[in-house]
Structures are given as C-alpha cells and as structure tokens.
Amino acid sequence: MTTLKTRARIFVLVILAALPALLLTVYSAVERRASTENQARAEADMALYAAKGAGRDRVVVGSAEKR
C-alpha cells in the first residue's frame, strides 16, 4: 500500500516538474501563430495596395495614350 502512495507522489512530482515546460511550449506556439498571422495580413495588405497602385497607373497610361 505504501509503495502505491509513494508512486503516486512521485508521479505527481514528475508531472508538476514537466508542467512549466509544457506551458511554455504552448505559449510559444500561440505567440508564433499570432505573429505569423499578423505578418500574413500585412503582406496581403501590401499586395492589395500594390494592385490598386498598378490599376491607377494603367488608367493614367490608358488616358495618356488616348490623347
């Protein structure tokens, strides 16, 4: 009976010792995902602005060709 109690205590201690590393890993993954998502949104915005700028250039060039 005492060995089971001792084993349970050791098991709990091992779990408690590993818990900070696990939490740090999860936190790091969440932060990395958020950072990647923000970067992707910024790149998409830049692509949209570039496309709008290219569209304006086409209008200007087209109107200049008509003159």
Protein backbone atom coordinates (compact mmCIF):
# COMPACT_ATOMS: atom_id res chain seq x y z
CA MET A 1 0.00 0.00 0.00
CA THR A 2 2.75 2.46 0.86
CA THR A 3 4.54 1.84 -2.45
CA LEU A 4 1.44 2.86 -4.36
CA LYS A 5 1.19 6.02 -2.32
CA THR A 6 4.88 6.71 -2.94
CA ARG A 7 4.48 6.01 -6.66
CA ALA A 8 1.53 8.38 -6.84
CA ARG A 9 3.54 11.11 -5.12
CA ILE A 10 6.47 10.60 -7.48
CA PHE A 11 4.10 10.69 -10.46
CA VAL A 12 2.58 13.96 -9.27
CA LEU A 13 6.02 15.47 -8.71
CA VAL A 14 7.15 14.49 -12.21
CA ILE A 15 4.01 15.97 -13.74
CA LEU A 16 4.45 19.19 -11.77
CA ALA A 17 8.09 19.39 -12.81
CA ALA A 18 7.20 18.98 -16.51
CA LEU A 19 4.24 21.36 -16.44
CA PRO A 20 6.18 24.65 -16.83
CA ALA A 21 7.98 23.34 -19.92
CA LEU A 22 4.70 22.22 -21.44
CA LEU A 23 3.03 25.55 -20.73
CA LEU A 24 5.99 27.45 -22.18
CA THR A 25 5.80 25.36 -25.35
CA VAL A 26 2.09 26.01 -25.75
CA TYR A 27 2.53 29.74 -25.10
CA SER A 28 5.36 29.94 -27.62
CA ALA A 29 3.28 28.17 -30.27
CA VAL A 30 0.34 30.51 -29.73
CA GLU A 31 2.58 33.58 -29.94
CA ARG A 32 4.28 32.29 -33.10
CA ARG A 33 0.90 31.63 -34.71
CA ALA A 34 -0.33 35.13 -33.88
CA SER A 35 2.88 36.67 -35.22
CA THR A 36 2.65 34.68 -38.45
CA GLU A 37 -1.00 35.66 -38.86
CA ASN A 38 -0.18 39.36 -38.41
CA GLN A 39 2.67 39.11 -40.90
CA ALA A 40 0.43 37.40 -43.47
CA ARG A 41 -2.20 40.12 -43.07
CA ALA A 42 0.41 42.84 -43.53
CA GLU A 43 1.72 41.16 -46.69
CA ALA A 44 -1.82 40.80 -48.04
CA ASP A 45 -2.43 44.50 -47.38
CA MET A 46 0.77 45.41 -49.23
CA ALA A 47 -0.26 43.26 -52.19
CA LEU A 48 -3.66 44.96 -52.25
CA TYR A 49 -2.07 48.42 -52.18
CA ALA A 50 0.31 47.42 -54.96
CA ALA A 51 -2.57 46.12 -57.07
CA LYS A 52 -4.52 49.34 -56.53
CA GLY A 53 -1.46 51.38 -57.47
CA ALA A 54 -0.93 49.32 -60.61
CA GLY A 55 -4.56 49.86 -61.54
CA ARG A 56 -4.17 53.60 -61.19
CA ASP A 57 -1.06 53.51 -63.36
CA ARG A 58 -2.97 51.63 -66.06
CA VAL A 59 -5.70 54.29 -66.02
CA VAL A 60 -3.16 57.09 -66.31
CA VAL A 61 -1.27 55.36 -69.13
CA GLY A 62 -4.52 54.50 -70.92
CA SER A 63 -5.79 58.06 -70.77
CA ALA A 64 -2.43 59.38 -71.96
CA GLU A 65 -2.47 57.02 -74.94
CA LYS A 66 -5.91 58.30 -75.98
CA ARG A 67 -4.69 61.90 -76.24
